[in-house]
């Protein structure tokens, strides 16, 4: 599909047809990357676990990574069913 590049202030933009946005499940935000000289536009998804690794390292350094609840499970307990 051919679309025109239009001026938007000091930038340039394209108009993406509503049907294309719906097919790609794009609501308000997108991720734009350049891959091998091509612009790739993807729906934007939050990355809630993105910095967990650093947070876990910090917790370990602060000795704050101990279990709060005992993780032992007594399978012999009465009324236990799988």
C-alpha atoms as a PDB file:
ATOM      1  CA  UNK A   1       0.000   0.000   0.000  1.00  0.00           C
ATOM      2  CA  UNK A   2       1.450   3.340  -1.026  1.00  0.00           C
ATOM      3  CA  UNK A   3       1.025   6.228   1.414  1.00  0.00           C
ATOM      4  CA  UNK A   4       2.341   9.771   1.277  1.00  0.00           C
ATOM      5  CA  UNK A   5       4.785  11.329   3.722  1.00  0.00           C
ATOM      6  CA  UNK A   6       3.250  14.511   5.126  1.00  0.00           C
ATOM      7  CA  UNK A   7       4.764  17.418   7.074  1.00  0.00           C
ATOM      8  CA  UNK A   8       3.939  17.540  10.791  1.00  0.00           C
ATOM      9  CA  UNK A   9       5.584  20.634  12.276  1.00  0.00           C
ATOM     10  CA  UNK A  10       9.354  20.180  11.887  1.00  0.00           C
ATOM     11  CA  UNK A  11       8.905  16.418  11.376  1.00  0.00           C
ATOM     12  CA  UNK A  12       7.358  14.144   8.792  1.00  0.00           C
ATOM     13  CA  UNK A  13       4.663  11.512   9.229  1.00  0.00           C
ATOM     14  CA  UNK A  14       2.455   9.006   7.515  1.00  0.00           C
ATOM     15  CA  UNK A  15      -1.248   8.369   7.834  1.00  0.00           C
ATOM     16  CA  UNK A  16      -1.999   4.764   8.704  1.00  0.00           C
ATOM     17  CA  UNK A  17      -5.465   3.614   7.675  1.00  0.00           C
ATOM     18  CA  UNK A  18      -7.800   2.657  10.522  1.00  0.00           C
ATOM     19  CA  UNK A  19      -8.266  -0.848   9.104  1.00  0.00           C
ATOM     20  CA  UNK A  20      -4.497  -1.460   9.233  1.00  0.00           C
ATOM     21  CA  UNK A  21      -4.312  -0.213  12.835  1.00  0.00           C
ATOM     22  CA  UNK A  22      -7.159  -2.537  13.792  1.00  0.00           C
ATOM     23  CA  UNK A  23      -5.571  -5.545  12.054  1.00  0.00           C
ATOM     24  CA  UNK A  24      -2.316  -4.918  13.943  1.00  0.00           C
ATOM     25  CA  UNK A  25      -4.121  -4.251  17.242  1.00  0.00           C
ATOM     26  CA  UNK A  26      -2.516  -0.817  17.516  1.00  0.00           C
ATOM     27  CA  UNK A  27      -4.289   1.505  19.946  1.00  0.00           C
ATOM     28  CA  UNK A  28      -2.303   4.603  21.008  1.00  0.00           C
ATOM     29  CA  UNK A  29       1.432   3.804  20.947  1.00  0.00           C
ATOM     30  CA  UNK A  30       3.874   1.902  18.734  1.00  0.00           C
ATOM     31  CA  UNK A  31       7.480   0.738  18.881  1.00  0.00           C
ATOM     32  CA  UNK A  32       9.521   1.844  15.866  1.00  0.00           C
ATOM     33  CA  UNK A  33      12.830   0.184  15.004  1.00  0.00           C
ATOM     34  CA  UNK A  34      15.147   0.128  12.035  1.00  0.00           C
ATOM     35  CA  UNK A  35      16.083  -3.406  10.953  1.00  0.00           C
ATOM     36  CA  UNK A  36      18.345  -3.923   7.947  1.00  0.00           C
ATOM     37  CA  UNK A  37      17.447  -0.516   6.521  1.00  0.00           C
ATOM     38  CA  UNK A  38      13.699  -1.036   6.977  1.00  0.00           C
ATOM     39  CA  UNK A  39      11.411   0.752   9.396  1.00  0.00           C
ATOM     40  CA  UNK A  40       9.448  -1.750  11.500  1.00  0.00           C
ATOM     41  CA  UNK A  41       6.376  -0.537  13.383  1.00  0.00           C
ATOM     42  CA  UNK A  42       4.952  -2.814  16.077  1.00  0.00           C
ATOM     43  CA  UNK A  43       2.203  -2.399  18.683  1.00  0.00           C
ATOM     44  CA  UNK A  44       3.671  -1.047  21.906  1.00  0.00           C
ATOM     45  CA  UNK A  45       3.487  -3.374  24.895  1.00  0.00           C
ATOM     46  CA  UNK A  46       4.449  -2.473  28.439  1.00  0.00           C
ATOM     47  CA  UNK A  47       7.436  -4.415  29.716  1.00  0.00           C
ATOM     48  CA  UNK A  48       6.668  -4.662  33.436  1.00  0.00           C
ATOM     49  CA  UNK A  49       9.503  -7.137  34.133  1.00  0.00           C
ATOM     50  CA  UNK A  50      12.132  -5.240  32.158  1.00  0.00           C
ATOM     51  CA  UNK A  51      14.297  -4.194  35.135  1.00  0.00           C
ATOM     52  CA  UNK A  52      13.614  -7.141  37.448  1.00  0.00           C
ATOM     53  CA  UNK A  53      17.154  -8.514  37.024  1.00  0.00           C
ATOM     54  CA  UNK A  54      18.722  -5.346  38.418  1.00  0.00           C
ATOM     55  CA  UNK A  55      16.157  -5.208  41.216  1.00  0.00           C
ATOM     56  CA  UNK A  56      16.912  -8.816  42.209  1.00  0.00           C
ATOM     57  CA  UNK A  57      20.656  -8.110  42.225  1.00  0.00           C
ATOM     58  CA  UNK A  58      20.077  -5.119  44.495  1.00  0.00           C
ATOM     59  CA  UNK A  59      17.872  -7.197  46.802  1.00  0.00           C
ATOM     60  CA  UNK A  60      20.577  -9.864  47.009  1.00  0.00           C
ATOM     61  CA  UNK A  61      23.273  -7.302  47.837  1.00  0.00           C
ATOM     62  CA  UNK A  62      21.026  -5.911  50.583  1.00  0.00           C
ATOM     63  CA  UNK A  63      20.369  -9.454  51.834  1.00  0.00           C
ATOM     64  CA  UNK A  64      16.691  -8.799  51.220  1.00  0.00           C
ATOM     65  CA  UNK A  65      15.962 -11.855  49.074  1.00  0.00           C
ATOM     66  CA  UNK A  66      14.875 -14.310  51.754  1.00  0.00           C
ATOM     67  CA  UNK A  67      11.592 -16.194  51.538  1.00  0.00           C
ATOM     68  CA  UNK A  68       8.757 -14.595  53.456  1.00  0.00           C
ATOM     69  CA  UNK A  69       6.592 -17.723  53.465  1.00  0.00           C
ATOM     70  CA  UNK A  70       7.875 -21.246  54.089  1.00  0.00           C
ATOM     71  CA  UNK A  71       7.853 -23.033  50.746  1.00  0.00           C
ATOM     72  CA  UNK A  72       7.723 -26.562  52.203  1.00  0.00           C
ATOM     73  CA  UNK A  73       4.549 -28.384  51.288  1.00  0.00           C
ATOM     74  CA  UNK A  74       3.328 -31.251  53.430  1.00  0.00           C
ATOM     75  CA  UNK A  75       1.698 -33.661  50.974  1.00  0.00           C
ATOM     76  CA  UNK A  76       0.617 -35.944  53.794  1.00  0.00           C
ATOM     77  CA  UNK A  77      -1.723 -33.335  55.246  1.00  0.00           C
ATOM     78  CA  UNK A  78      -5.315 -34.458  55.672  1.00  0.00           C
ATOM     79  CA  UNK A  79      -7.857 -33.292  53.096  1.00  0.00           C
ATOM     80  CA  UNK A  80      -5.076 -32.646  50.574  1.00  0.00           C
ATOM     81  CA  UNK A  81      -6.164 -33.420  47.016  1.00  0.00           C
ATOM     82  CA  UNK A  82      -4.375 -33.056  43.711  1.00  0.00           C
END
